[in-house]
């Protein structure tokens, strides 16, 4: 068996960011990033890309049934929302006053917290 490339990619979107879905079935919906899966370059966005999951009865859900939950989207299908203007923006990196590298919105130049 051959191992895959274990190259770490620098993702511009992080957990807690407000993003808008720009492609796919959930196009246009926006929400907070709940989880970033770096290994596959995917994100889980709150309220976007909902799927039905069939569950068997167990200790946590005694009845089982069908549960609606968010599925992962590829990171290229989401765009960060500018904190100042509310529009989608690209992400840049810049040194702040303290000399720390921070993410900034390309549209407004506003620091992304």
PDB file of N, CA and C in Angstrom:
ATOM      1  N   UNK A   1       0.829  -1.192   0.000  1.00  0.00           N
ATOM      2  CA  UNK A   1       0.000   0.000   0.000  1.00  0.00           C
ATOM      3  C   UNK A   1       0.870   1.251   0.000  1.00  0.00           C
ATOM      4  N   UNK A   2       0.459   2.202  -0.793  1.00  0.00           N
ATOM      5  CA  UNK A   2       1.220   3.431  -0.867  1.00  0.00           C
ATOM      6  C   UNK A   2       0.508   4.533  -0.097  1.00  0.00           C
ATOM      7  N   UNK A   3       1.250   5.293   0.669  1.00  0.00           N
ATOM      8  CA  UNK A   3       0.657   6.376   1.451  1.00  0.00           C
ATOM      9  C   UNK A   3       0.421   7.592   0.585  1.00  0.00           C
ATOM     10  N   UNK A   4      -0.666   8.283   0.882  1.00  0.00           N
ATOM     11  CA  UNK A   4      -0.958   9.512   0.144  1.00  0.00           C
ATOM     12  C   UNK A   4      -0.089  10.641   0.655  1.00  0.00           C
ATOM     13  N   UNK A   5      -0.060  11.707  -0.114  1.00  0.00           N
ATOM     14  CA  UNK A   5       0.687  12.893   0.263  1.00  0.00           C
ATOM     15  C   UNK A   5       0.091  13.489   1.531  1.00  0.00           C
ATOM     16  N   UNK A   6       0.860  13.618   2.583  1.00  0.00           N
ATOM     17  CA  UNK A   6       0.362  14.191   3.832  1.00  0.00           C
ATOM     18  C   UNK A   6       0.647  15.686   3.898  1.00  0.00           C
ATOM     19  N   UNK A   7       0.429  16.383   2.793  1.00  0.00           N
ATOM     20  CA  UNK A   7       0.709  17.803   2.715  1.00  0.00           C
ATOM     21  C   UNK A   7      -0.415  18.591   3.393  1.00  0.00           C
ATOM     22  N   UNK A   8      -0.048  19.429   4.356  1.00  0.00           N
ATOM     23  CA  UNK A   8      -1.036  20.243   5.066  1.00  0.00           C
ATOM     24  C   UNK A   8      -1.356  21.477   4.218  1.00  0.00           C
ATOM     25  N   UNK A   9      -2.648  21.683   3.926  1.00  0.00           N
ATOM     26  CA  UNK A   9      -3.037  22.838   3.135  1.00  0.00           C
ATOM     27  C   UNK A   9      -3.478  23.960   4.060  1.00  0.00           C
ATOM     28  N   UNK A  10      -3.180  25.204   3.699  1.00  0.00           N
ATOM     29  CA  UNK A  10      -3.557  26.363   4.504  1.00  0.00           C
ATOM     30  C   UNK A  10      -4.955  26.775   4.087  1.00  0.00           C
ATOM     31  N   UNK A  11      -5.924  26.521   4.971  1.00  0.00           N
ATOM     32  CA  UNK A  11      -7.305  26.867   4.684  1.00  0.00           C
ATOM     33  C   UNK A  11      -7.603  28.275   5.200  1.00  0.00           C
ATOM     34  N   UNK A  12      -8.371  29.026   4.415  1.00  0.00           N
ATOM     35  CA  UNK A  12      -8.655  30.410   4.756  1.00  0.00           C
ATOM     36  C   UNK A  12      -9.937  30.561   5.562  1.00  0.00           C
ATOM     37  N   UNK A  13     -10.648  29.465   5.744  1.00  0.00           N
ATOM     38  CA  UNK A  13     -11.897  29.493   6.506  1.00  0.00           C
ATOM     39  C   UNK A  13     -11.707  28.674   7.768  1.00  0.00           C
ATOM     40  N   UNK A  14     -12.186  29.208   8.888  1.00  0.00           N
ATOM     41  CA  UNK A  14     -12.014  28.549  10.178  1.00  0.00           C
ATOM     42  C   UNK A  14     -13.356  28.333  10.860  1.00  0.00           C
ATOM     43  N   UNK A  15     -13.346  27.528  11.904  1.00  0.00           N
ATOM     44  CA  UNK A  15     -14.540  27.257  12.696  1.00  0.00           C
ATOM     45  C   UNK A  15     -15.042  28.566  13.308  1.00  0.00           C
ATOM     46  N   UNK A  16     -16.349  28.796  13.213  1.00  0.00           N
ATOM     47  CA  UNK A  16     -16.940  30.013  13.779  1.00  0.00           C
ATOM     48  C   UNK A  16     -17.120  31.137  12.777  1.00  0.00           C
ATOM     49  N   UNK A  17     -16.529  31.021  11.584  1.00  0.00           N
ATOM     50  CA  UNK A  17     -16.678  32.055  10.551  1.00  0.00           C
ATOM     51  C   UNK A  17     -18.087  32.055   9.979  1.00  0.00           C
ATOM     52  N   UNK A  18     -18.555  33.235   9.563  1.00  0.00           N
ATOM     53  CA  UNK A  18     -19.840  33.356   8.881  1.00  0.00           C
ATOM     54  C   UNK A  18     -19.561  33.237   7.382  1.00  0.00           C
ATOM     55  N   UNK A  19     -20.172  32.221   6.743  1.00  0.00           N
ATOM     56  CA  UNK A  19     -19.920  31.965   5.328  1.00  0.00           C
ATOM     57  C   UNK A  19     -21.224  31.877   4.548  1.00  0.00           C
ATOM     58  N   UNK A  20     -21.112  32.024   3.224  1.00  0.00           N
ATOM     59  CA  UNK A  20     -22.247  31.884   2.320  1.00  0.00           C
ATOM     60  C   UNK A  20     -21.924  30.758   1.346  1.00  0.00           C
ATOM     61  N   UNK A  21     -22.916  29.903   1.087  1.00  0.00           N
ATOM     62  CA  UNK A  21     -22.730  28.793   0.152  1.00  0.00           C
ATOM     63  C   UNK A  21     -22.893  29.362  -1.259  1.00  0.00           C
ATOM     64  N   UNK A  22     -21.876  29.172  -2.114  1.00  0.00           N
ATOM     65  CA  UNK A  22     -21.896  29.775  -3.454  1.00  0.00           C
ATOM     66  C   UNK A  22     -22.124  28.764  -4.563  1.00  0.00           C
ATOM     67  N   UNK A  23     -22.211  27.458  -4.207  1.00  0.00           N
ATOM     68  CA  UNK A  23     -22.454  26.428  -5.218  1.00  0.00           C
ATOM     69  C   UNK A  23     -23.148  25.233  -4.576  1.00  0.00           C
ATOM     70  N   UNK A  24     -23.905  24.502  -5.390  1.00  0.00           N
ATOM     71  CA  UNK A  24     -24.569  23.293  -4.908  1.00  0.00           C
ATOM     72  C   UNK A  24     -26.041  23.524  -4.607  1.00  0.00           C
ATOM     73  N   UNK A  25     -26.673  22.513  -4.013  1.00  0.00           N
ATOM     74  CA  UNK A  25     -28.099  22.572  -3.717  1.00  0.00           C
ATOM     75  C   UNK A  25     -28.451  23.653  -2.703  1.00  0.00           C
ATOM     76  N   UNK A  26     -27.549  23.937  -1.775  1.00  0.00           N
ATOM     77  CA  UNK A  26     -27.801  24.930  -0.724  1.00  0.00           C
ATOM     78  C   UNK A  26     -27.306  26.317  -1.115  1.00  0.00           C
ATOM     79  N   UNK A  27     -27.104  26.555  -2.405  1.00  0.00           N
ATOM     80  CA  UNK A  27     -26.569  27.840  -2.887  1.00  0.00           C
ATOM     81  C   UNK A  27     -27.401  29.005  -2.365  1.00  0.00           C
ATOM     82  N   UNK A  28     -26.717  30.018  -1.828  1.00  0.00           N
ATOM     83  CA  UNK A  28     -27.393  31.205  -1.325  1.00  0.00           C
ATOM     84  C   UNK A  28     -27.596  31.192   0.181  1.00  0.00           C
ATOM     85  N   UNK A  29     -27.588  30.027   0.794  1.00  0.00           N
ATOM     86  CA  UNK A  29     -27.792  29.981   2.240  1.00  0.00           C
ATOM     87  C   UNK A  29     -26.499  30.359   2.952  1.00  0.00           C
ATOM     88  N   UNK A  30     -26.660  30.957   4.123  1.00  0.00           N
ATOM     89  CA  UNK A  30     -25.477  31.330   4.887  1.00  0.00           C
ATOM     90  C   UNK A  30     -25.609  30.863   6.321  1.00  0.00           C
ATOM     91  N   UNK A  31     -24.463  30.644   6.947  1.00  0.00           N
ATOM     92  CA  UNK A  31     -24.451  30.166   8.313  1.00  0.00           C
ATOM     93  C   UNK A  31     -23.052  30.134   8.867  1.00  0.00           C
ATOM     94  N   UNK A  32     -22.964  29.698  10.107  1.00  0.00           N
ATOM     95  CA  UNK A  32     -21.693  29.637  10.804  1.00  0.00           C
ATOM     96  C   UNK A  32     -21.025  28.296  10.532  1.00  0.00           C
ATOM     97  N   UNK A  33     -19.701  28.303  10.416  1.00  0.00           N
ATOM     98  CA  UNK A  33     -18.945  27.062  10.205  1.00  0.00           C
ATOM     99  C   UNK A  33     -18.885  26.323  11.537  1.00  0.00           C
ATOM    100  N   UNK A  34     -19.420  25.093  11.550  1.00  0.00           N
ATOM    101  CA  UNK A  34     -19.434  24.284  12.764  1.00  0.00           C
ATOM    102  C   UNK A  34     -18.162  23.456  12.901  1.00  0.00           C
ATOM    103  N   UNK A  35     -17.622  23.019  11.757  1.00  0.00           N
ATOM    104  CA  UNK A  35     -16.440  22.147  11.779  1.00  0.00           C
ATOM    105  C   UNK A  35     -15.679  22.281  10.473  1.00  0.00           C
ATOM    106  N   UNK A  36     -14.354  22.227  10.553  1.00  0.00           N
ATOM    107  CA  UNK A  36     -13.498  22.223   9.371  1.00  0.00           C
ATOM    108  C   UNK A  36     -12.748  20.901   9.353  1.00  0.00           C
ATOM    109  N   UNK A  37     -12.885  20.160   8.249  1.00  0.00           N
ATOM    110  CA  UNK A  37     -12.200  18.874   8.103  1.00  0.00           C
ATOM    111  C   UNK A  37     -11.015  19.102   7.168  1.00  0.00           C
ATOM    112  N   UNK A  38      -9.833  19.282   7.743  1.00  0.00           N
ATOM    113  CA  UNK A  38      -8.653  19.652   6.951  1.00  0.00           C
ATOM    114  C   UNK A  38      -8.177  18.539   6.039  1.00  0.00           C
ATOM    115  N   UNK A  39      -8.355  17.288   6.449  1.00  0.00           N
ATOM    116  CA  UNK A  39      -7.866  16.148   5.665  1.00  0.00           C
ATOM    117  C   UNK A  39      -8.514  16.086   4.291  1.00  0.00           C
ATOM    118  N   UNK A  40      -9.798  16.454   4.208  1.00  0.00           N
ATOM    119  CA  UNK A  40     -10.522  16.378   2.928  1.00  0.00           C
ATOM    120  C   UNK A  40     -10.912  17.751   2.388  1.00  0.00           C
ATOM    121  N   UNK A  41     -10.458  18.824   3.038  1.00  0.00           N
ATOM    122  CA  UNK A  41     -10.785  20.211   2.657  1.00  0.00           C
ATOM    123  C   UNK A  41     -12.291  20.441   2.600  1.00  0.00           C
ATOM    124  N   UNK A  42     -12.975  20.040   3.652  1.00  0.00           N
ATOM    125  CA  UNK A  42     -14.425  20.196   3.713  1.00  0.00           C
ATOM    126  C   UNK A  42     -14.838  20.948   4.971  1.00  0.00           C
ATOM    127  N   UNK A  43     -16.021  21.575   4.905  1.00  0.00           N
ATOM    128  CA  UNK A  43     -16.572  22.292   6.052  1.00  0.00           C
ATOM    129  C   UNK A  43     -18.013  21.869   6.282  1.00  0.00           C
ATOM    130  N   UNK A  44     -18.462  21.972   7.526  1.00  0.00           N
ATOM    131  CA  UNK A  44     -19.865  21.742   7.854  1.00  0.00           C
ATOM    132  C   UNK A  44     -20.439  23.091   8.255  1.00  0.00           C
ATOM    133  N   UNK A  45     -21.458  23.543   7.508  1.00  0.00           N
ATOM    134  CA  UNK A  45     -22.067  24.849   7.724  1.00  0.00           C
ATOM    135  C   UNK A  45     -23.446  24.661   8.360  1.00  0.00           C
ATOM    136  N   UNK A  46     -23.702  25.463   9.388  1.00  0.00           N
ATOM    137  CA  UNK A  46     -24.959  25.395  10.128  1.00  0.00           C
ATOM    138  C   UNK A  46     -26.152  25.681   9.216  1.00  0.00           C
ATOM    139  N   UNK A  47     -27.076  24.724   9.105  1.00  0.00           N
ATOM    140  CA  UNK A  47     -28.302  24.909   8.326  1.00  0.00           C
ATOM    141  C   UNK A  47     -28.156  24.720   6.827  1.00  0.00           C
ATOM    142  N   UNK A  48     -26.973  24.380   6.339  1.00  0.00           N
ATOM    143  CA  UNK A  48     -26.759  24.198   4.900  1.00  0.00           C
ATOM    144  C   UNK A  48     -26.464  22.741   4.588  1.00  0.00           C
ATOM    145  N   UNK A  49     -26.841  22.285   3.391  1.00  0.00           N
ATOM    146  CA  UNK A  49     -26.593  20.929   2.912  1.00  0.00           C
ATOM    147  C   UNK A  49     -27.173  19.881   3.868  1.00  0.00           C
ATOM    148  N   UNK A  50     -28.459  20.049   4.174  1.00  0.00           N
ATOM    149  CA  UNK A  50     -29.146  19.142   5.101  1.00  0.00           C
ATOM    150  C   UNK A  50     -29.431  17.799   4.425  1.00  0.00           C
ATOM    151  N   UNK A  51     -29.145  16.704   5.141  1.00  0.00           N
ATOM    152  CA  UNK A  51     -29.413  15.361   4.640  1.00  0.00           C
ATOM    153  C   UNK A  51     -30.229  14.597   5.687  1.00  0.00           C
ATOM    154  N   UNK A  52     -30.956  13.578   5.232  1.00  0.00           N
ATOM    155  CA  UNK A  52     -31.731  12.728   6.132  1.00  0.00           C
ATOM    156  C   UNK A  52     -30.895  11.518   6.491  1.00  0.00           C
ATOM    157  N   UNK A  53     -30.706  11.298   7.776  1.00  0.00           N
ATOM    158  CA  UNK A  53     -29.928  10.158   8.242  1.00  0.00           C
ATOM    159  C   UNK A  53     -30.869   9.203   8.970  1.00  0.00           C
ATOM    160  N   UNK A  54     -30.865   7.950   8.535  1.00  0.00           N
ATOM    161  CA  UNK A  54     -31.711   6.932   9.160  1.00  0.00           C
ATOM    162  C   UNK A  54     -30.953   6.327  10.323  1.00  0.00           C
ATOM    163  N   UNK A  55     -31.560   6.356  11.514  1.00  0.00           N
ATOM    164  CA  UNK A  55     -30.878   5.836  12.695  1.00  0.00           C
ATOM    165  C   UNK A  55     -31.660   4.685  13.310  1.00  0.00           C
ATOM    166  N   UNK A  56     -30.918   3.699  13.789  1.00  0.00           N
ATOM    167  CA  UNK A  56     -31.514   2.570  14.503  1.00  0.00           C
ATOM    168  C   UNK A  56     -31.764   2.999  15.943  1.00  0.00           C
ATOM    169  N   UNK A  57     -32.718   2.380  16.607  1.00  0.00           N
ATOM    170  CA  UNK A  57     -32.920   2.700  18.025  1.00  0.00           C
ATOM    171  C   UNK A  57     -31.674   2.344  18.845  1.00  0.00           C
ATOM    172  N   UNK A  58     -31.269   3.259  19.720  1.00  0.00           N
ATOM    173  CA  UNK A  58     -30.138   3.015  20.615  1.00  0.00           C
ATOM    174  C   UNK A  58     -30.355   3.798  21.908  1.00  0.00           C
ATOM    175  N   UNK A  59     -29.341   3.865  22.749  1.00  0.00           N
ATOM    176  CA  UNK A  59     -29.477   4.525  24.051  1.00  0.00           C
ATOM    177  C   UNK A  59     -29.803   6.017  23.927  1.00  0.00           C
ATOM    178  N   UNK A  60     -29.168   6.696  22.967  1.00  0.00           N
ATOM    179  CA  UNK A  60     -29.395   8.135  22.819  1.00  0.00           C
ATOM    180  C   UNK A  60     -30.735   8.445  22.161  1.00  0.00           C
ATOM    181  N   UNK A  61     -31.117   7.660  21.139  1.00  0.00           N
ATOM    182  CA  UNK A  61     -32.437   7.855  20.512  1.00  0.00           C
ATOM    183  C   UNK A  61     -33.202   6.532  20.579  1.00  0.00           C
ATOM    184  N   UNK A  62     -34.035   6.370  21.630  1.00  0.00           N
ATOM    185  CA  UNK A  62     -34.708   5.089  21.837  1.00  0.00           C
ATOM    186  C   UNK A  62     -35.670   4.696  20.718  1.00  0.00           C
ATOM    187  N   UNK A  63     -36.235   5.665  20.007  1.00  0.00           N
ATOM    188  CA  UNK A  63     -37.169   5.364  18.927  1.00  0.00           C
ATOM    189  C   UNK A  63     -36.487   5.196  17.580  1.00  0.00           C
ATOM    190  N   UNK A  64     -35.297   5.767  17.415  1.00  0.00           N
ATOM    191  CA  UNK A  64     -34.637   5.735  16.109  1.00  0.00           C
ATOM    192  C   UNK A  64     -35.360   6.677  15.173  1.00  0.00           C
ATOM    193  N   UNK A  65     -35.347   6.380  13.871  1.00  0.00           N
ATOM    194  CA  UNK A  65     -36.063   7.208  12.905  1.00  0.00           C
ATOM    195  C   UNK A  65     -35.147   7.975  11.985  1.00  0.00           C
ATOM    196  N   UNK A  66     -35.711   9.006  11.358  1.00  0.00           N
ATOM    197  CA  UNK A  66     -34.973   9.802  10.383  1.00  0.00           C
ATOM    198  C   UNK A  66     -34.607  11.141  11.009  1.00  0.00           C
ATOM    199  N   UNK A  67     -33.323  11.455  11.001  1.00  0.00           N
ATOM    200  CA  UNK A  67     -32.819  12.703  11.579  1.00  0.00           C
ATOM    201  C   UNK A  67     -32.247  13.574  10.471  1.00  0.00           C
ATOM    202  N   UNK A  68     -32.616  14.849  10.467  1.00  0.00           N
ATOM    203  CA  UNK A  68     -32.049  15.807   9.515  1.00  0.00           C
ATOM    204  C   UNK A  68     -30.778  16.375  10.129  1.00  0.00           C
ATOM    205  N   UNK A  69     -29.674  16.321   9.372  1.00  0.00           N
ATOM    206  CA  UNK A  69     -28.431  16.901   9.864  1.00  0.00           C
ATOM    207  C   UNK A  69     -27.612  17.475   8.716  1.00  0.00           C
ATOM    208  N   UNK A  70     -26.633  18.321   9.074  1.00  0.00           N
ATOM    209  CA  UNK A  70     -25.783  18.962   8.074  1.00  0.00           C
ATOM    210  C   UNK A  70     -24.739  17.979   7.566  1.00  0.00           C
ATOM    211  N   UNK A  71     -24.505  18.016   6.254  1.00  0.00           N
ATOM    212  CA  UNK A  71     -23.445  17.215   5.661  1.00  0.00           C
ATOM    213  C   UNK A  71     -22.314  18.155   5.246  1.00  0.00           C
ATOM    214  N   UNK A  72     -21.132  17.605   5.044  1.00  0.00           N
ATOM    215  CA  UNK A  72     -19.957  18.415   4.708  1.00  0.00           C
ATOM    216  C   UNK A  72     -20.033  18.934   3.273  1.00  0.00           C
ATOM    217  N   UNK A  73     -19.535  20.154   3.081  1.00  0.00           N
ATOM    218  CA  UNK A  73     -19.411  20.791   1.765  1.00  0.00           C
ATOM    219  C   UNK A  73     -17.925  20.980   1.479  1.00  0.00           C
ATOM    220  N   UNK A  74     -17.564  21.004   0.210  1.00  0.00           N
ATOM    221  CA  UNK A  74     -16.169  21.288  -0.106  1.00  0.00           C
ATOM    222  C   UNK A  74     -15.911  22.756   0.174  1.00  0.00           C
ATOM    223  N   UNK A  75     -14.711  23.057   0.641  1.00  0.00           N
ATOM    224  CA  UNK A  75     -14.375  24.418   1.066  1.00  0.00           C
ATOM    225  C   UNK A  75     -14.430  25.425  -0.085  1.00  0.00           C
ATOM    226  N   UNK A  76     -14.294  24.937  -1.328  1.00  0.00           N
ATOM    227  CA  UNK A  76     -14.357  25.832  -2.489  1.00  0.00           C
ATOM    228  C   UNK A  76     -15.781  26.286  -2.779  1.00  0.00           C
ATOM    229  N   UNK A  77     -16.772  25.617  -2.188  1.00  0.00           N
ATOM    230  CA  UNK A  77     -18.175  25.972  -2.418  1.00  0.00           C
ATOM    231  C   UNK A  77     -18.726  26.964  -1.407  1.00  0.00           C
ATOM    232  N   UNK A  78     -17.881  27.461  -0.514  1.00  0.00           N
ATOM    233  CA  UNK A  78     -18.300  28.484   0.434  1.00  0.00           C
ATOM    234  C   UNK A  78     -17.392  29.693   0.338  1.00  0.00           C
ATOM    235  N   UNK A  79     -17.965  30.869   0.611  1.00  0.00           N
ATOM    236  CA  UNK A  79     -17.192  32.111   0.595  1.00  0.00           C
ATOM    237  C   UNK A  79     -17.428  32.842   1.904  1.00  0.00           C
ATOM    238  N   UNK A  80     -16.386  33.435   2.432  1.00  0.00           N
ATOM    239  CA  UNK A  80     -16.463  34.172   3.679  1.00  0.00           C
ATOM    240  C   UNK A  80     -17.272  35.447   3.492  1.00  0.00           C
ATOM    241  N   UNK A  81     -18.030  35.838   4.503  1.00  0.00           N
ATOM    242  CA  UNK A  81     -18.807  37.079   4.446  1.00  0.00           C
ATOM    243  C   UNK A  81     -18.017  38.181   5.140  1.00  0.00           C
ATOM    244  N   UNK A  82     -17.884  39.312   4.453  1.00  0.00           N
ATOM    245  CA  UNK A  82     -17.149  40.471   4.968  1.00  0.00           C
ATOM    246  C   UNK A  82     -17.869  41.009   6.208  1.00  0.00           C
ATOM    247  N   UNK A  83     -17.149  41.164   7.338  1.00  0.00           N
ATOM    248  CA  UNK A  83     -17.810  41.644   8.551  1.00  0.00           C
ATOM    249  C   UNK A  83     -18.330  43.087   8.442  1.00  0.00           C
ATOM    250  N   UNK A  84     -17.776  43.879   7.525  1.00  0.00           N
ATOM    251  CA  UNK A  84     -18.168  45.280   7.395  1.00  0.00           C
ATOM    252  C   UNK A  84     -19.346  45.459   6.431  1.00  0.00           C
ATOM    253  N   UNK A  85     -19.226  44.915   5.204  1.00  0.00           N
ATOM    254  CA  UNK A  85     -20.240  45.150   4.179  1.00  0.00           C
ATOM    255  C   UNK A  85     -21.313  44.072   4.098  1.00  0.00           C
ATOM    256  N   UNK A  86     -21.021  42.858   4.572  1.00  0.00           N
ATOM    257  CA  UNK A  86     -21.993  41.776   4.490  1.00  0.00           C
ATOM    258  C   UNK A  86     -21.980  41.037   3.162  1.00  0.00           C
ATOM    259  N   UNK A  87     -21.039  41.396   2.273  1.00  0.00           N
ATOM    260  CA  UNK A  87     -20.909  40.721   0.982  1.00  0.00           C
ATOM    261  C   UNK A  87     -19.852  39.626   1.087  1.00  0.00           C
ATOM    262  N   UNK A  88     -19.846  38.717   0.103  1.00  0.00           N
ATOM    263  CA  UNK A  88     -18.808  37.680   0.108  1.00  0.00           C
ATOM    264  C   UNK A  88     -17.474  38.304  -0.284  1.00  0.00           C
ATOM    265  N   UNK A  89     -16.412  37.773   0.273  1.00  0.00           N
ATOM    266  CA  UNK A  89     -15.089  38.334   0.033  1.00  0.00           C
ATOM    267  C   UNK A  89     -14.028  37.246   0.019  1.00  0.00           C
ATOM    268  N   UNK A  90     -12.889  37.567  -0.572  1.00  0.00           N
ATOM    269  CA  UNK A  90     -11.741  36.684  -0.504  1.00  0.00           C
ATOM    270  C   UNK A  90     -10.979  37.028   0.774  1.00  0.00           C
ATOM    271  N   UNK A  91     -10.052  36.157   1.136  1.00  0.00           N
ATOM    272  CA  UNK A  91      -9.322  36.341   2.383  1.00  0.00           C
ATOM    273  C   UNK A  91      -7.850  36.576   2.094  1.00  0.00           C
ATOM    274  N   UNK A  92      -7.288  37.597   2.735  1.00  0.00           N
ATOM    275  CA  UNK A  92      -5.863  37.877   2.635  1.00  0.00           C
ATOM    276  C   UNK A  92      -5.238  37.783   4.015  1.00  0.00           C
ATOM    277  N   UNK A  93      -3.929  37.880   4.072  1.00  0.00           N
ATOM    278  CA  UNK A  93      -3.231  37.852   5.357  1.00  0.00           C
ATOM    279  C   UNK A  93      -2.314  39.059   5.446  1.00  0.00           C
ATOM    280  N   UNK A  94      -2.290  39.681   6.628  1.00  0.00           N
ATOM    281  CA  UNK A  94      -1.525  40.899   6.808  1.00  0.00           C
ATOM    282  C   UNK A  94      -0.988  40.962   8.237  1.00  0.00           C
ATOM    283  N   UNK A  95       0.117  41.632   8.421  1.00  0.00           N
ATOM    284  CA  UNK A  95       0.657  41.827   9.765  1.00  0.00           C
ATOM    285  C   UNK A  95      -0.102  42.967  10.438  1.00  0.00           C
ATOM    286  N   UNK A  96      -0.543  42.756  11.685  1.00  0.00           N
ATOM    287  CA  UNK A  96      -1.241  43.822  12.404  1.00  0.00           C
ATOM    288  C   UNK A  96      -0.241  44.656  13.206  1.00  0.00           C
ATOM    289  N   UNK A  97      -0.743  45.574  14.026  1.00  0.00           N
ATOM    290  CA  UNK A  97       0.123  46.472  14.796  1.00  0.00           C
ATOM    291  C   UNK A  97       1.039  45.713  15.755  1.00  0.00           C
ATOM    292  N   UNK A  98       0.539  44.605  16.284  1.00  0.00           N
ATOM    293  CA  UNK A  98       1.330  43.813  17.234  1.00  0.00           C
ATOM    294  C   UNK A  98       2.359  42.918  16.532  1.00  0.00           C
ATOM    295  N   UNK A  99       2.366  42.934  15.194  1.00  0.00           N
ATOM    296  CA  UNK A  99       3.305  42.123  14.436  1.00  0.00           C
ATOM    297  C   UNK A  99       2.839  40.688  14.246  1.00  0.00           C
ATOM    298  N   UNK A 100       1.541  40.457  14.476  1.00  0.00           N
ATOM    299  CA  UNK A 100       0.974  39.120  14.320  1.00  0.00           C
ATOM    300  C   UNK A 100       0.276  39.026  12.972  1.00  0.00           C
ATOM    301  N   UNK A 101       0.403  37.850  12.319  1.00  0.00           N
ATOM    302  CA  UNK A 101      -0.236  37.638  11.026  1.00  0.00           C
ATOM    303  C   UNK A 101      -1.720  37.353  11.242  1.00  0.00           C
ATOM    304  N   UNK A 102      -2.592  38.209  10.655  1.00  0.00           N
ATOM    305  CA  UNK A 102      -4.039  38.060  10.826  1.00  0.00           C
ATOM    306  C   UNK A 102      -4.717  37.962   9.464  1.00  0.00           C
ATOM    307  N   UNK A 103      -5.926  37.405   9.453  1.00  0.00           N
ATOM    308  CA  UNK A 103      -6.711  37.317   8.221  1.00  0.00           C
ATOM    309  C   UNK A 103      -7.462  38.624   8.017  1.00  0.00           C
ATOM    310  N   UNK A 104      -7.486  39.110   6.772  1.00  0.00           N
ATOM    311  CA  UNK A 104      -8.221  40.341   6.458  1.00  0.00           C
ATOM    312  C   UNK A 104      -9.124  40.098   5.256  1.00  0.00           C
ATOM    313  N   UNK A 105     -10.255  40.803   5.221  1.00  0.00           N
ATOM    314  CA  UNK A 105     -11.171  40.729   4.089  1.00  0.00           C
ATOM    315  C   UNK A 105     -10.608  41.570   2.962  1.00  0.00           C
ATOM    316  N   UNK A 106     -10.595  41.025   1.743  1.00  0.00           N
ATOM    317  CA  UNK A 106     -10.012  41.746   0.599  1.00  0.00           C
ATOM    318  C   UNK A 106     -10.852  42.976   0.226  1.00  0.00           C
ATOM    319  N   UNK A 107     -12.185  42.901   0.399  1.00  0.00           N
ATOM    320  CA  UNK A 107     -13.057  44.015  -0.006  1.00  0.00           C
ATOM    321  C   UNK A 107     -12.837  45.250   0.864  1.00  0.00           C
ATOM    322  N   UNK A 108     -12.963  45.080   2.185  1.00  0.00           N
ATOM    323  CA  UNK A 108     -12.924  46.239   3.085  1.00  0.00           C
ATOM    324  C   UNK A 108     -11.587  46.429   3.800  1.00  0.00           C
ATOM    325  N   UNK A 109     -10.765  45.393   3.800  1.00  0.00           N
ATOM    326  CA  UNK A 109      -9.504  45.458   4.532  1.00  0.00           C
ATOM    327  C   UNK A 109      -9.693  45.242   6.025  1.00  0.00           C
ATOM    328  N   UNK A 110     -10.914  44.910   6.438  1.00  0.00           N
ATOM    329  CA  UNK A 110     -11.275  44.678   7.825  1.00  0.00           C
ATOM    330  C   UNK A 110     -10.668  43.365   8.332  1.00  0.00           C
ATOM    331  N   UNK A 111     -10.193  43.381   9.567  1.00  0.00           N
ATOM    332  CA  UNK A 111      -9.622  42.164  10.158  1.00  0.00           C
ATOM    333  C   UNK A 111     -10.749  41.178  10.487  1.00  0.00           C
ATOM    334  N   UNK A 112     -10.512  39.903  10.180  1.00  0.00           N
ATOM    335  CA  UNK A 112     -11.492  38.857  10.463  1.00  0.00           C
ATOM    336  C   UNK A 112     -11.152  38.235  11.794  1.00  0.00           C
ATOM    337  N   UNK A 113     -12.101  38.287  12.712  1.00  0.00           N
ATOM    338  CA  UNK A 113     -11.852  37.780  14.056  1.00  0.00           C
ATOM    339  C   UNK A 113     -12.286  36.348  14.192  1.00  0.00           C
TER     340      UNK A 113
END
